[in-house]
C-alpha atoms as a PDB file:
ATOM      1  CA  MET A   1    -191.149 -18.380 236.060  1.00  0.00           C
ATOM      2  CA  LYS A   2    -194.868 -18.961 236.463  1.00  0.00           C
ATOM      3  CA  PRO A   3    -196.720 -18.503 238.815  1.00  0.00           C
ATOM      4  CA  ARG A   4    -194.330 -15.859 240.253  1.00  0.00           C
ATOM      5  CA  VAL A   5    -194.588 -13.577 237.196  1.00  0.00           C
ATOM      6  CA  SER A   6    -197.529 -11.488 236.072  1.00  0.00           C
ATOM      7  CA  VAL A   7    -198.424  -8.664 233.710  1.00  0.00           C
ATOM      8  CA  GLN A   8    -201.378  -6.480 234.624  1.00  0.00           C
ATOM      9  CA  ASP A   9    -203.634  -6.881 231.567  1.00  0.00           C
ATOM     10  CA  SER A  10    -205.838  -3.963 232.655  1.00  0.00           C
ATOM     11  CA  ASP A  11    -202.829  -1.603 232.498  1.00  0.00           C
ATOM     12  CA  LEU A  12    -201.839  -2.612 228.940  1.00  0.00           C
ATOM     13  CA  ARG A  13    -204.451  -0.254 227.423  1.00  0.00           C
ATOM     14  CA  ASN A  14    -202.814   2.642 229.312  1.00  0.00           C
ATOM     15  CA  GLY A  15    -199.363   1.788 227.952  1.00  0.00           C
ATOM     16  CA  ASN A  16    -198.093   0.107 231.134  1.00  0.00           C
ATOM     17  CA  PHE A  17    -196.273  -3.098 230.197  1.00  0.00           C
ATOM     18  CA  SER A  18    -194.766  -3.737 233.635  1.00  0.00           C
ATOM     19  CA  LEU A  19    -193.640  -7.205 234.626  1.00  0.00           C
ATOM     20  CA  ARG A  20    -194.155  -8.195 238.275  1.00  0.00           C
ATOM     21  CA  ILE A  21    -192.023 -10.911 239.914  1.00  0.00           C
ATOM     22  CA  ASP A  22    -193.138 -12.031 243.363  1.00  0.00           C
ATOM     23  CA  PRO A  23    -191.185 -13.347 245.143  1.00  0.00           C
ATOM     24  CA  VAL A  24    -187.844 -12.461 243.546  1.00  0.00           C
ATOM     25  CA  ARG A  25    -185.140 -15.144 243.721  1.00  0.00           C
ATOM     26  CA  SER A  26    -181.367 -14.862 243.318  1.00  0.00           C
ATOM     27  CA  GLU A  27    -181.502 -16.600 239.946  1.00  0.00           C
ATOM     28  CA  ASP A  28    -183.895 -13.905 238.621  1.00  0.00           C
ATOM     29  CA  ALA A  29    -181.014 -11.399 238.380  1.00  0.00           C
ATOM     30  CA  GLY A  30    -180.156 -10.354 234.854  1.00  0.00           C
ATOM     31  CA  LEU A  31    -181.270  -8.391 231.827  1.00  0.00           C
ATOM     32  CA  TYR A  32    -184.967  -8.288 230.906  1.00  0.00           C
ATOM     33  CA  GLU A  33    -186.202  -7.034 227.555  1.00  0.00           C
ATOM     34  CA  ALA A  34    -189.733  -6.106 226.487  1.00  0.00           C
ATOM     35  CA  TRP A  35    -191.006  -5.758 222.901  1.00  0.00           C
ATOM     36  CA  VAL A  36    -194.370  -4.142 222.274  1.00  0.00           C
ATOM     37  CA  ALA A  37    -195.957  -4.063 218.812  1.00  0.00           C
ATOM     38  CA  TYR A  38    -198.865  -1.718 218.107  1.00  0.00           C
ATOM     39  CA  ASN A  39    -200.086  -1.411 214.510  1.00  0.00           C
ATOM     40  CA  THR A  40    -196.828  -0.996 212.532  1.00  0.00           C
ATOM     41  CA  GLU A  41    -194.792   0.458 215.401  1.00  0.00           C
ATOM     42  CA  VAL A  42    -192.510  -1.601 217.633  1.00  0.00           C
ATOM     43  CA  GLN A  43    -191.176  -0.294 220.957  1.00  0.00           C
ATOM     44  CA  SER A  44    -188.628  -2.019 223.159  1.00  0.00           C
ATOM     45  CA  CYS A  45    -186.940  -1.456 226.489  1.00  0.00           C
ATOM     46  CA  GLN A  46    -184.361  -3.205 228.622  1.00  0.00           C
ATOM     47  CA  VAL A  47    -184.202  -3.357 232.409  1.00  0.00           C
ATOM     48  CA  GLU A  48    -181.507  -4.996 234.483  1.00  0.00           C
ATOM     49  CA  LEU A  49    -182.696  -6.627 237.681  1.00  0.00           C
ATOM     50  CA  GLY A  50    -180.163  -6.774 240.477  1.00  0.00           C
ATOM     51  CA  VAL A  51    -180.846  -9.010 243.458  1.00  0.00           C
ATOM     52  CA  ILE A  52    -179.526  -8.736 247.000  1.00  0.00           C
ATOM     53  CA  THR A  53    -179.970 -11.499 249.563  1.00  0.00           C
ATOM     54  CA  VAL A  54    -179.488 -11.733 253.314  1.00  0.00           C
ATOM     55  CA  THR A  55    -179.115 -15.278 254.618  1.00  0.00           C
ATOM     56  CA  LEU A  56    -178.943 -16.644 258.139  1.00  0.00           C
ATOM     57  CA  SER A  57    -176.674 -19.487 259.227  1.00  0.00           C
ATOM     58  CA  PRO A  58    -177.691 -21.695 260.925  1.00  0.00           C
ATOM     59  CA  PRO A  59    -181.250 -21.271 259.645  1.00  0.00           C
ATOM     60  CA  SER A  60    -184.106 -20.251 261.971  1.00  0.00           C
ATOM     61  CA  PRO A  61    -184.926 -20.693 264.746  1.00  0.00           C
ATOM     62  CA  VAL A  62    -181.905 -19.088 266.382  1.00  0.00           C
ATOM     63  CA  VAL A  63    -181.377 -19.949 270.034  1.00  0.00           C
ATOM     64  CA  GLU A  64    -179.918 -17.474 272.508  1.00  0.00           C
ATOM     65  CA  ASN A  65    -176.120 -17.829 273.043  1.00  0.00           C
ATOM     66  CA  GLU A  66    -175.620 -20.027 269.927  1.00  0.00           C
ATOM     67  CA  PRO A  67    -173.334 -18.306 267.354  1.00  0.00           C
ATOM     68  CA  LEU A  68    -174.916 -17.129 264.106  1.00  0.00           C
ATOM     69  CA  SER A  69    -173.921 -15.428 260.864  1.00  0.00           C
ATOM     70  CA  LEU A  70    -175.841 -13.056 258.611  1.00  0.00           C
ATOM     71  CA  SER A  71    -174.482 -12.917 255.057  1.00  0.00           C
ATOM     72  CA  CYS A  72    -175.253 -10.218 252.525  1.00  0.00           C
ATOM     73  CA  ASN A  73    -174.703 -10.895 248.809  1.00  0.00           C
ATOM     74  CA  SER A  74    -175.592  -8.961 245.691  1.00  0.00           C
ATOM     75  CA  SER A  75    -175.570  -9.653 241.968  1.00  0.00           C
ATOM     76  CA  HIS A  76    -173.845  -6.272 241.390  1.00  0.00           C
ATOM     77  CA  ARG A  77    -170.743  -6.772 239.250  1.00  0.00           C
ATOM     78  CA  ALA A  78    -168.433  -4.070 240.632  1.00  0.00           C
ATOM     79  CA  SER A  79    -165.918  -4.758 243.421  1.00  0.00           C
ATOM     80  CA  LEU A  80    -167.257  -4.638 246.972  1.00  0.00           C
ATOM     81  CA  VAL A  81    -165.559  -1.816 248.903  1.00  0.00           C
ATOM     82  CA  GLU A  82    -167.408  -1.687 252.222  1.00  0.00           C
ATOM     83  CA  THR A  83    -170.135  -3.466 254.185  1.00  0.00           C
ATOM     84  CA  CYS A  84    -171.991  -1.760 257.038  1.00  0.00           C
ATOM     85  CA  TRP A  85    -174.495  -3.479 259.327  1.00  0.00           C
ATOM     86  CA  PHE A  86    -177.380  -1.799 261.154  1.00  0.00           C
ATOM     87  CA  HIS A  87    -179.530  -3.176 263.982  1.00  0.00           C
ATOM     88  CA  ASN A  88    -182.891  -1.416 264.298  1.00  0.00           C
ATOM     89  CA  GLU A  89    -181.452   1.430 262.151  1.00  0.00           C
ATOM     90  CA  ARG A  90    -178.349   1.916 264.367  1.00  0.00           C
ATOM     91  CA  LEU A  91    -174.862   1.291 262.968  1.00  0.00           C
ATOM     92  CA  VAL A  92    -173.289  -1.815 264.529  1.00  0.00           C
ATOM     93  CA  PRO A  93    -169.607  -1.294 265.383  1.00  0.00           C
ATOM     94  CA  THR A  94    -167.215  -4.220 265.208  1.00  0.00           C
ATOM     95  CA  SER A  95    -166.577  -5.524 268.729  1.00  0.00           C
ATOM     96  CA  MET A  96    -165.950  -8.699 270.706  1.00  0.00           C
ATOM     97  CA  SER A  97    -169.613  -9.641 270.098  1.00  0.00           C
ATOM     98  CA  PHE A  98    -170.014  -8.544 266.453  1.00  0.00           C
ATOM     99  CA  CYS A  99    -167.425  -9.432 263.794  1.00  0.00           C
ATOM    100  CA  SER A 100    -167.851  -8.305 260.182  1.00  0.00           C
ATOM    101  CA  SER A 101    -165.864  -9.567 257.205  1.00  0.00           C
ATOM    102  CA  HIS A 102    -166.548  -9.656 253.445  1.00  0.00           C
ATOM    103  CA  GLY A 103    -170.315  -9.115 253.714  1.00  0.00           C
ATOM    104  CA  THR A 104    -170.815 -11.486 256.665  1.00  0.00           C
ATOM    105  CA  LEU A 105    -171.679 -10.460 260.223  1.00  0.00           C
ATOM    106  CA  SER A 106    -170.987 -12.993 262.980  1.00  0.00           C
ATOM    107  CA  ILE A 107    -172.761 -12.672 266.310  1.00  0.00           C
ATOM    108  CA  LEU A 108    -170.847 -14.841 268.752  1.00  0.00           C
ATOM    109  CA  ARG A 109    -173.328 -14.900 271.663  1.00  0.00           C
ATOM    110  CA  PRO A 110    -176.701 -13.621 270.428  1.00  0.00           C
ATOM    111  CA  ALA A 111    -179.149 -12.415 273.054  1.00  0.00           C
ATOM    112  CA  VAL A 112    -182.887 -11.842 272.830  1.00  0.00           C
ATOM    113  CA  SER A 113    -182.078  -8.104 272.633  1.00  0.00           C
ATOM    114  CA  ASP A 114    -180.335  -8.809 269.285  1.00  0.00           C
ATOM    115  CA  ALA A 115    -183.661  -9.769 267.701  1.00  0.00           C
ATOM    116  CA  GLY A 116    -185.212  -7.312 265.275  1.00  0.00           C
ATOM    117  CA  SER A 117    -184.343  -5.635 262.018  1.00  0.00           C
ATOM    118  CA  TRP A 118    -180.804  -6.214 260.673  1.00  0.00           C
ATOM    119  CA  SER A 119    -179.783  -4.313 257.533  1.00  0.00           C
ATOM    120  CA  CYS A 120    -176.674  -4.657 255.465  1.00  0.00           C
ATOM    121  CA  GLN A 121    -175.438  -1.829 253.274  1.00  0.00           C
ATOM    122  CA  LEU A 122    -173.008  -2.714 250.490  1.00  0.00           C
ATOM    123  CA  ARG A 123    -170.868  -0.030 248.812  1.00  0.00           C
ATOM    124  CA  TYR A 124    -169.157  -0.872 245.536  1.00  0.00           C
ATOM    125  CA  SER A 125    -166.187   0.549 243.611  1.00  0.00           C
ATOM    126  CA  ASP A 126    -168.577   2.333 241.195  1.00  0.00           C
ATOM    127  CA  ASN A 127    -170.148   4.109 244.249  1.00  0.00           C
ATOM    128  CA  GLU A 128    -173.362   2.069 243.970  1.00  0.00           C
ATOM    129  CA  ILE A 129    -174.911   1.521 247.413  1.00  0.00           C
ATOM    130  CA  ILE A 130    -177.298  -1.414 247.866  1.00  0.00           C
ATOM    131  CA  SER A 131    -179.058  -2.502 251.054  1.00  0.00           C
ATOM    132  CA  ALA A 132    -181.384  -5.213 252.326  1.00  0.00           C
ATOM    133  CA  THR A 133    -183.045  -6.073 255.641  1.00  0.00           C
ATOM    134  CA  TYR A 134    -183.542  -9.317 257.570  1.00  0.00           C
ATOM    135  CA  ASN A 135    -185.919  -9.668 260.525  1.00  0.00           C
ATOM    136  CA  LEU A 136    -184.031 -11.798 263.076  1.00  0.00           C
ATOM    137  CA  GLN A 137    -185.921 -13.772 265.708  1.00  0.00           C
ATOM    138  CA  ILE A 138    -184.105 -15.294 268.681  1.00  0.00           C
ATOM    139  CA  LEU A 139    -185.522 -17.849 271.094  1.00  0.00           C
ATOM    140  CA  GLY A 140    -184.483 -17.276 274.679  1.00  0.00           C
ATOM    141  CA  PHE A 141    -185.350 -15.927 278.072  1.00  0.00           C
ATOM    142  CA  ASP A 142    -186.179 -12.221 278.073  1.00  0.00           C
ATOM    143  CA  GLY A 143    -186.127 -11.336 281.726  1.00  0.00           C
ATOM    144  CA  PRO A 144    -183.835 -10.431 284.608  1.00  0.00           C
ATOM    145  CA  MET A 145    -180.243 -11.686 284.438  1.00  0.00           C
ATOM    146  CA  ASN A 146    -180.605 -13.572 287.753  1.00  0.00           C
ATOM    147  CA  PRO A 147    -184.251 -14.610 287.928  1.00  0.00           C
ATOM    148  CA  VAL A 148    -185.518 -15.441 291.398  1.00  0.00           C
ATOM    149  CA  VAL A 149    -189.248 -15.814 292.006  1.00  0.00           C
ATOM    150  CA  TYR A 150    -190.714 -15.992 295.525  1.00  0.00           C
ATOM    151  CA  ALA A 151    -194.133 -17.432 296.149  1.00  0.00           C
ATOM    152  CA  ALA A 152    -195.999 -18.107 299.368  1.00  0.00           C
ATOM    153  CA  ALA A 153    -196.441 -21.759 300.251  1.00  0.00           C
ATOM    154  CA  GLY A 154    -199.843 -22.907 299.058  1.00  0.00           C
ATOM    155  CA  SER A 155    -200.105 -20.264 296.314  1.00  0.00           C
ATOM    156  CA  ALA A 156    -199.419 -20.500 292.562  1.00  0.00           C
ATOM    157  CA  ALA A 157    -196.192 -19.321 290.951  1.00  0.00           C
ATOM    158  CA  ASP A 158    -195.506 -18.604 287.268  1.00  0.00           C
END
């Protein structure tokens, strides 16, 4: 897993045997075990790493009015009960523009106003709730719906 994994050598003297993974990938999910020997004593611990991913289809850049999907997946082993989507921390209701099914949100005609922070919240049968965020960028025109610009003859217009 090198060079994504590190142990802070300076913290070992203080009893901190933390493992840092940066960036985390889907395949990193699983059980991790640490064994520490000091003199004649051996200590061990186990930590399970769960990973949640949010993916965009088609991949960036997203163009205004072209359909897109955000998918939310987790390594959690219980049955998925519910998926909720939030845009800029506001719950997104299912509508003609936003369709949600089995962890995937489809935006049929994305607008520039749909750019920003999108979070999925997954609730499982064991009542575990897991969430992740994706920062969506959309290329398009952010201006009046019917843009008309008047300029005097002989002047510049932008």
